[in-house]
Structure formats: C-alpha cells, structure tokens
Amino acid sequence: MNFPADLKYTAEHEWIKVVEGNIALIGVTDFAQSELGDIVFVEIETEGEELAENEIFGSVEAVKTVSDLFLPVAGKVLEVNTKLADEPELVNNDPYNEGWMIKMEVANIADLDGLLSVDAYKTLIGH
C-alpha cells in the first residue's frame, strides 16, 4: 500500500497536497480505495462553491457501497477532475496522481498543520 510522505491525511481517508501557493489537490487514500473496492462512479457537484472543513464535497460509489467525501480544510472548490466521469477506476489504479478528485483554494494554509502526517495516518489505520 502506498502512503506518500509529502501529503497530509484525514481520519476520513482523504489526502491533500499543496501544488502551488494555497492551491491544493484532494483525493482519497490508497487504503480508502482498497477498502471500497471497485469504484464505479464519482459524483462531485460542488465546483465553484466555498465549503467548510469536513463538509461533504462529493461521493464515490463502489460496487458494495457509496461513501461521502469530506473536505480536509475550508476553501473553494476550483476544479473537478473531469477524467473521473468516464474513468472512475483511476481512483483505484492511481489515487494520488491521475485519480485526484478536486483542486481547491485553501482558505487558511495553516489549517493543514491540524491534519495527519503520513506516520499518524498509518497508525490510525493500523499499518
């Protein structure tokens, strides 16, 4: 299982990576996608919206279940990964790169300090 050290993690199994300034990518962890199983649909209809920390920004549907997606920090959803509409399996195959879900503008970059490090996340999931 893959756990990149340059990401921050949440207890709800999302990851966040700052790509430039206060712009970040969000997705679900390798652990989350493996627990969900084959992802068949990604629904995100919050593009352009300002959302609070832990607010639902979308959902993923797997063969077995539907799971809500929670925003790690407050901010504005700038872009949705449009590839996921036709290729939701990218979340399973490449959760940290091609399978990213949203690009957001982080309201307060210091909020990332409150998220889990890679070691804390691994401890959380018993890895």
N, C-alpha and C. Protein backbone atom coordinates (compact mmCIF):
# COMPACT_ATOMS: atom_id res chain seq x y z
N MET A 1 0.84 -1.18 0.00
CA MET A 1 0.00 0.00 0.00
C MET A 1 0.89 1.25 0.00
N ASN A 2 0.45 2.27 -0.71
CA ASN A 2 1.25 3.46 -0.92
C ASN A 2 0.78 4.61 -0.01
N PHE A 3 1.74 5.25 0.68
CA PHE A 3 1.44 6.39 1.55
C PHE A 3 2.49 7.48 1.32
N PRO A 4 2.29 8.35 0.33
CA PRO A 4 3.29 9.40 0.07
C PRO A 4 3.50 10.31 1.29
N ALA A 5 4.77 10.56 1.60
CA ALA A 5 5.12 11.35 2.79
C ALA A 5 4.86 12.85 2.60
N ASP A 6 4.71 13.30 1.35
CA ASP A 6 4.53 14.74 1.11
C ASP A 6 3.07 15.18 1.18
N LEU A 7 2.19 14.28 1.59
CA LEU A 7 0.77 14.60 1.69
C LEU A 7 0.36 14.75 3.15
N LYS A 8 -0.78 15.40 3.37
CA LYS A 8 -1.44 15.41 4.67
C LYS A 8 -2.68 14.54 4.53
N TYR A 9 -3.11 13.92 5.62
CA TYR A 9 -4.20 12.96 5.59
C TYR A 9 -5.28 13.32 6.60
N THR A 10 -6.49 12.76 6.40
CA THR A 10 -7.58 12.95 7.36
C THR A 10 -8.01 11.60 7.92
N ALA A 11 -8.70 11.64 9.04
CA ALA A 11 -9.23 10.42 9.64
C ALA A 11 -10.33 9.82 8.77
N GLU A 12 -10.88 10.61 7.84
CA GLU A 12 -11.92 10.12 6.91
C GLU A 12 -11.32 9.57 5.62
N HIS A 13 -9.97 9.49 5.57
CA HIS A 13 -9.24 8.85 4.48
C HIS A 13 -9.13 9.68 3.21
N GLU A 14 -9.15 11.01 3.35
CA GLU A 14 -8.81 11.88 2.23
C GLU A 14 -7.35 12.32 2.39
N TRP A 15 -6.75 12.68 1.27
CA TRP A 15 -5.41 13.27 1.30
C TRP A 15 -5.49 14.66 0.66
N ILE A 16 -4.51 15.51 0.99
CA ILE A 16 -4.41 16.84 0.41
C ILE A 16 -2.94 17.12 0.11
N LYS A 17 -2.71 17.73 -1.04
CA LYS A 17 -1.35 18.09 -1.45
C LYS A 17 -1.37 19.50 -2.00
N VAL A 18 -0.56 20.37 -1.39
CA VAL A 18 -0.43 21.74 -1.90
C VAL A 18 0.44 21.67 -3.15
N VAL A 19 -0.10 22.23 -4.25
CA VAL A 19 0.64 22.19 -5.51
C VAL A 19 1.27 23.54 -5.85
N GLU A 20 0.70 24.63 -5.32
CA GLU A 20 1.26 25.95 -5.56
C GLU A 20 0.55 26.96 -4.67
N GLY A 21 1.32 27.69 -3.87
CA GLY A 21 0.72 28.71 -3.00
C GLY A 21 -0.34 28.10 -2.09
N ASN A 22 -1.61 28.55 -2.26
CA ASN A 22 -2.69 27.99 -1.45
C ASN A 22 -3.63 27.11 -2.29
N ILE A 23 -3.13 26.60 -3.40
CA ILE A 23 -3.88 25.70 -4.27
C ILE A 23 -3.48 24.26 -3.96
N ALA A 24 -4.49 23.42 -3.76
CA ALA A 24 -4.22 22.03 -3.37
C ALA A 24 -5.10 21.06 -4.14
N LEU A 25 -4.61 19.84 -4.26
CA LEU A 25 -5.38 18.73 -4.81
C LEU A 25 -5.86 17.86 -3.66
N ILE A 26 -7.05 17.28 -3.83
CA ILE A 26 -7.66 16.41 -2.82
C ILE A 26 -8.06 15.10 -3.50
N GLY A 27 -7.91 14.01 -2.77
CA GLY A 27 -8.37 12.72 -3.25
C GLY A 27 -8.58 11.78 -2.08
N VAL A 28 -8.81 10.52 -2.38
CA VAL A 28 -8.93 9.51 -1.32
C VAL A 28 -7.65 8.67 -1.30
N THR A 29 -7.35 8.14 -0.14
CA THR A 29 -6.11 7.40 0.04
C THR A 29 -6.16 6.02 -0.62
N ASP A 30 -4.99 5.47 -0.78
CA ASP A 30 -4.86 4.11 -1.30
C ASP A 30 -5.62 3.13 -0.40
N PHE A 31 -5.52 3.34 0.92
CA PHE A 31 -6.25 2.50 1.87
C PHE A 31 -7.76 2.60 1.63
N ALA A 32 -8.26 3.83 1.45
CA ALA A 32 -9.70 4.03 1.25
C ALA A 32 -10.19 3.32 -0.01
N GLN A 33 -9.47 3.50 -1.11
CA GLN A 33 -9.93 2.87 -2.36
C GLN A 33 -9.87 1.36 -2.25
N SER A 34 -8.89 0.82 -1.50
CA SER A 34 -8.82 -0.63 -1.37
C SER A 34 -9.96 -1.17 -0.50
N GLU A 35 -10.36 -0.39 0.51
CA GLU A 35 -11.49 -0.78 1.36
C GLU A 35 -12.82 -0.70 0.60
N LEU A 36 -12.95 0.31 -0.25
CA LEU A 36 -14.19 0.49 -1.02
C LEU A 36 -14.36 -0.58 -2.08
N GLY A 37 -13.28 -1.01 -2.69
CA GLY A 37 -13.36 -1.94 -3.80
C GLY A 37 -13.46 -1.17 -5.11
N ASP A 38 -13.95 -1.82 -6.14
CA ASP A 38 -14.00 -1.21 -7.47
C ASP A 38 -14.93 0.00 -7.49
N ILE A 39 -14.36 1.16 -7.76
CA ILE A 39 -15.14 2.39 -7.82
C ILE A 39 -15.77 2.50 -9.20
N VAL A 40 -17.10 2.69 -9.22
CA VAL A 40 -17.83 2.70 -10.47
C VAL A 40 -18.38 4.09 -10.83
N PHE A 41 -18.38 5.01 -9.86
CA PHE A 41 -18.94 6.34 -10.13
C PHE A 41 -18.40 7.33 -9.10
N VAL A 42 -18.02 8.52 -9.58
CA VAL A 42 -17.60 9.61 -8.71
C VAL A 42 -18.54 10.77 -8.98
N GLU A 43 -19.18 11.27 -7.93
CA GLU A 43 -20.11 12.39 -8.09
C GLU A 43 -19.62 13.58 -7.26
N ILE A 44 -19.27 14.66 -7.98
CA ILE A 44 -18.84 15.89 -7.33
C ILE A 44 -19.53 17.04 -8.04
N GLU A 45 -20.41 17.71 -7.32
CA GLU A 45 -21.19 18.81 -7.89
C GLU A 45 -20.98 20.10 -7.11
N THR A 46 -19.77 20.27 -6.55
CA THR A 46 -19.51 21.43 -5.69
C THR A 46 -18.53 22.42 -6.32
N GLU A 47 -18.24 22.25 -7.61
CA GLU A 47 -17.30 23.17 -8.26
C GLU A 47 -17.79 24.61 -8.12
N GLY A 48 -16.85 25.50 -7.71
CA GLY A 48 -17.19 26.91 -7.54
C GLY A 48 -17.72 27.26 -6.16
N GLU A 49 -17.95 26.26 -5.33
CA GLU A 49 -18.54 26.50 -4.01
C GLU A 49 -17.47 26.67 -2.93
N GLU A 50 -17.79 27.54 -1.96
CA GLU A 50 -16.98 27.69 -0.74
C GLU A 50 -17.53 26.69 0.27
N LEU A 51 -16.66 25.84 0.80
CA LEU A 51 -17.09 24.82 1.75
C LEU A 51 -16.26 24.90 3.03
N ALA A 52 -16.87 24.48 4.12
CA ALA A 52 -16.19 24.45 5.42
C ALA A 52 -15.41 23.15 5.56
N GLU A 53 -14.47 23.15 6.50
CA GLU A 53 -13.73 21.94 6.83
C GLU A 53 -14.72 20.85 7.21
N ASN A 54 -14.47 19.65 6.73
CA ASN A 54 -15.28 18.45 6.97
C ASN A 54 -16.65 18.47 6.30
N GLU A 55 -16.92 19.47 5.46
CA GLU A 55 -18.17 19.49 4.72
C GLU A 55 -18.06 18.50 3.55
N ILE A 56 -19.16 17.89 3.18
CA ILE A 56 -19.18 16.91 2.08
C ILE A 56 -19.02 17.65 0.75
N PHE A 57 -18.02 17.22 -0.04
CA PHE A 57 -17.82 17.83 -1.36
C PHE A 57 -18.22 16.91 -2.50
N GLY A 58 -18.58 15.68 -2.19
CA GLY A 58 -18.99 14.73 -3.22
C GLY A 58 -19.13 13.34 -2.64
N SER A 59 -19.22 12.35 -3.54
CA SER A 59 -19.31 10.96 -3.09
C SER A 59 -18.70 10.04 -4.14
N VAL A 60 -18.31 8.87 -3.67
CA VAL A 60 -17.84 7.82 -4.57
C VAL A 60 -18.73 6.61 -4.39
N GLU A 61 -19.04 5.98 -5.50
CA GLU A 61 -19.85 4.77 -5.46
C GLU A 61 -18.97 3.60 -5.89
N ALA A 62 -18.94 2.61 -5.04
CA ALA A 62 -18.23 1.37 -5.35
C ALA A 62 -19.28 0.28 -5.53
N VAL A 63 -18.83 -0.89 -5.94
CA VAL A 63 -19.75 -2.00 -6.17
C VAL A 63 -20.56 -2.28 -4.89
N LYS A 64 -19.90 -2.16 -3.73
CA LYS A 64 -20.53 -2.54 -2.46
C LYS A 64 -21.21 -1.40 -1.72
N THR A 65 -20.79 -0.15 -1.94
CA THR A 65 -21.24 0.93 -1.08
C THR A 65 -21.09 2.30 -1.73
N VAL A 66 -21.70 3.30 -1.13
CA VAL A 66 -21.49 4.70 -1.51
C VAL A 66 -20.87 5.38 -0.30
N SER A 67 -19.85 6.20 -0.54
CA SER A 67 -19.14 6.86 0.55
C SER A 67 -19.04 8.36 0.26
N ASP A 68 -19.35 9.17 1.28
CA ASP A 68 -19.21 10.62 1.14
C ASP A 68 -17.75 11.01 1.18
N LEU A 69 -17.45 12.14 0.55
CA LEU A 69 -16.10 12.71 0.53
C LEU A 69 -16.13 13.99 1.35
N PHE A 70 -15.18 14.13 2.27
CA PHE A 70 -15.15 15.26 3.18
C PHE A 70 -13.95 16.16 2.90
N LEU A 71 -14.19 17.46 2.87
CA LEU A 71 -13.13 18.43 2.61
C LEU A 71 -12.19 18.50 3.82
N PRO A 72 -10.89 18.32 3.61
CA PRO A 72 -9.94 18.34 4.74
C PRO A 72 -9.83 19.69 5.44
N VAL A 73 -9.93 20.77 4.68
CA VAL A 73 -9.83 22.14 5.21
C VAL A 73 -10.82 23.02 4.46
N ALA A 74 -11.15 24.15 5.04
CA ALA A 74 -12.09 25.07 4.40
C ALA A 74 -11.46 25.69 3.15
N GLY A 75 -12.32 25.99 2.17
CA GLY A 75 -11.84 26.63 0.96
C GLY A 75 -12.85 26.55 -0.16
N LYS A 76 -12.39 26.92 -1.34
CA LYS A 76 -13.25 26.97 -2.52
C LYS A 76 -12.85 25.88 -3.50
N VAL A 77 -13.83 25.11 -3.96
CA VAL A 77 -13.59 24.08 -4.97
C VAL A 77 -13.42 24.79 -6.32
N LEU A 78 -12.23 24.69 -6.89
CA LEU A 78 -11.92 25.37 -8.14
C LEU A 78 -12.17 24.51 -9.37
N GLU A 79 -11.91 23.22 -9.23
CA GLU A 79 -11.96 22.33 -10.39
C GLU A 79 -12.23 20.91 -9.95
N VAL A 80 -12.94 20.17 -10.79
CA VAL A 80 -13.20 18.75 -10.57
C VAL A 80 -12.43 17.99 -11.64
N ASN A 81 -11.84 16.88 -11.28
CA ASN A 81 -11.13 16.04 -12.23
C ASN A 81 -12.14 15.40 -13.18
N THR A 82 -12.28 15.98 -14.37
CA THR A 82 -13.30 15.52 -15.32
C THR A 82 -13.02 14.12 -15.87
N LYS A 83 -11.78 13.67 -15.78
CA LYS A 83 -11.45 12.31 -16.25
C LYS A 83 -12.24 11.25 -15.49
N LEU A 84 -12.59 11.55 -14.24
CA LEU A 84 -13.25 10.55 -13.40
C LEU A 84 -14.67 10.23 -13.86
N ALA A 85 -15.28 11.12 -14.64
CA ALA A 85 -16.63 10.85 -15.15
C ALA A 85 -16.63 9.62 -16.06
N ASP A 86 -15.60 9.50 -16.89
CA ASP A 86 -15.50 8.37 -17.81
C ASP A 86 -14.61 7.25 -17.29
N GLU A 87 -13.71 7.59 -16.35
CA GLU A 87 -12.75 6.61 -15.86
C GLU A 87 -12.68 6.64 -14.33
N PRO A 88 -13.77 6.28 -13.63
CA PRO A 88 -13.73 6.30 -12.17
C PRO A 88 -12.69 5.34 -11.59
N GLU A 89 -12.29 4.35 -12.38
CA GLU A 89 -11.30 3.38 -11.92
C GLU A 89 -9.93 4.01 -11.69
N LEU A 90 -9.71 5.24 -12.17
CA LEU A 90 -8.46 5.94 -11.90
C LEU A 90 -8.24 6.11 -10.39
N VAL A 91 -9.33 6.22 -9.64
CA VAL A 91 -9.23 6.34 -8.18
C VAL A 91 -8.63 5.06 -7.60
N ASN A 92 -9.00 3.91 -8.15
CA ASN A 92 -8.44 2.63 -7.70
C ASN A 92 -6.99 2.46 -8.18
N ASN A 93 -6.76 2.78 -9.44
CA ASN A 93 -5.48 2.49 -10.07
C ASN A 93 -4.38 3.48 -9.71
N ASP A 94 -4.72 4.74 -9.44
CA ASP A 94 -3.72 5.78 -9.22
C ASP A 94 -4.29 6.88 -8.33
N PRO A 95 -4.62 6.56 -7.06
CA PRO A 95 -5.34 7.50 -6.21
C PRO A 95 -4.62 8.82 -5.95
N TYR A 96 -3.28 8.83 -6.04
CA TYR A 96 -2.54 10.05 -5.70
C TYR A 96 -2.14 10.90 -6.91
N ASN A 97 -2.37 10.42 -8.10
CA ASN A 97 -1.97 11.18 -9.28
C ASN A 97 -3.16 11.38 -10.21
N GLU A 98 -3.38 10.46 -11.13
CA GLU A 98 -4.48 10.59 -12.09
C GLU A 98 -5.85 10.53 -11.42
N GLY A 99 -5.92 9.93 -10.23
CA GLY A 99 -7.20 9.76 -9.53
C GLY A 99 -7.55 10.87 -8.55
N TRP A 100 -6.85 12.02 -8.62
CA TRP A 100 -7.23 13.14 -7.75
C TRP A 100 -8.67 13.54 -8.05
N MET A 101 -9.34 14.14 -7.09
CA MET A 101 -10.77 14.44 -7.25
C MET A 101 -11.08 15.91 -7.47
N ILE A 102 -10.52 16.77 -6.61
CA ILE A 102 -10.77 18.20 -6.79
C ILE A 102 -9.50 19.00 -6.59
N LYS A 103 -9.50 20.19 -7.21
CA LYS A 103 -8.48 21.19 -6.95
C LYS A 103 -9.20 22.29 -6.18
N MET A 104 -8.57 22.77 -5.10
CA MET A 104 -9.23 23.77 -4.27
C MET A 104 -8.29 24.90 -3.90
N GLU A 105 -8.89 26.03 -3.56
CA GLU A 105 -8.16 27.14 -2.98
C GLU A 105 -8.36 27.05 -1.47
N VAL A 106 -7.28 26.83 -0.75
CA VAL A 106 -7.33 26.67 0.70
C VAL A 106 -7.52 28.04 1.35
N ALA A 107 -8.52 28.15 2.20
CA ALA A 107 -8.82 29.43 2.85
C ALA A 107 -7.69 29.87 3.78
N ASN A 108 -7.17 28.94 4.57
CA ASN A 108 -6.09 29.24 5.52
C ASN A 108 -5.09 28.10 5.48
N ILE A 109 -3.96 28.34 4.84
CA ILE A 109 -2.96 27.28 4.64
C ILE A 109 -2.47 26.69 5.97
N ALA A 110 -2.52 27.48 7.05
CA ALA A 110 -2.11 26.98 8.37
C ALA A 110 -3.01 25.85 8.86
N ASP A 111 -4.23 25.74 8.33
CA ASP A 111 -5.14 24.67 8.73
C ASP A 111 -4.57 23.29 8.41
N LEU A 112 -3.68 23.20 7.43
CA LEU A 112 -3.08 21.91 7.07
C LEU A 112 -2.26 21.35 8.23
N ASP A 113 -1.77 22.21 9.11
CA ASP A 113 -0.99 21.74 10.26
C ASP A 113 -1.81 20.86 11.19
N GLY A 114 -3.13 21.00 11.15
CA GLY A 114 -4.00 20.20 12.01
C GLY A 114 -4.33 18.83 11.44
N LEU A 115 -3.87 18.54 10.23
CA LEU A 115 -4.15 17.25 9.61
C LEU A 115 -3.09 16.22 9.99
N LEU A 116 -3.32 14.98 9.60
CA LEU A 116 -2.43 13.88 9.97
C LEU A 116 -1.21 13.82 9.06
N SER A 117 -0.05 13.54 9.67
CA SER A 117 1.16 13.23 8.90
C SER A 117 1.02 11.81 8.36
N VAL A 118 1.94 11.42 7.51
CA VAL A 118 1.90 10.06 6.97
C VAL A 118 2.01 9.03 8.10
N ASP A 119 2.89 9.29 9.08
CA ASP A 119 3.05 8.34 10.19
C ASP A 119 1.80 8.26 11.05
N ALA A 120 1.18 9.40 11.32
CA ALA A 120 -0.05 9.41 12.12
C ALA A 120 -1.18 8.68 11.38
N TYR A 121 -1.25 8.87 10.06
CA TYR A 121 -2.28 8.19 9.28
C TYR A 121 -2.06 6.68 9.30
N LYS A 122 -0.82 6.24 9.12
CA LYS A 122 -0.51 4.82 9.14
C LYS A 122 -0.89 4.21 10.50
N THR A 123 -0.64 4.95 11.58
CA THR A 123 -1.02 4.47 12.91
C THR A 123 -2.54 4.35 13.01
N LEU A 124 -3.25 5.35 12.49
CA LEU A 124 -4.71 5.36 12.52
C LEU A 124 -5.31 4.10 11.88
N ILE A 125 -4.74 3.70 10.75
CA ILE A 125 -5.31 2.54 10.03
C ILE A 125 -4.63 1.23 10.41
N GLY A 126 -3.71 1.29 11.38
CA GLY A 126 -3.06 0.07 11.85
C GLY A 126 -2.06 -0.51 10.88
N HIS A 127 -1.36 0.37 10.18
CA HIS A 127 -0.40 -0.09 9.16
C HIS A 127 1.01 0.08 9.63
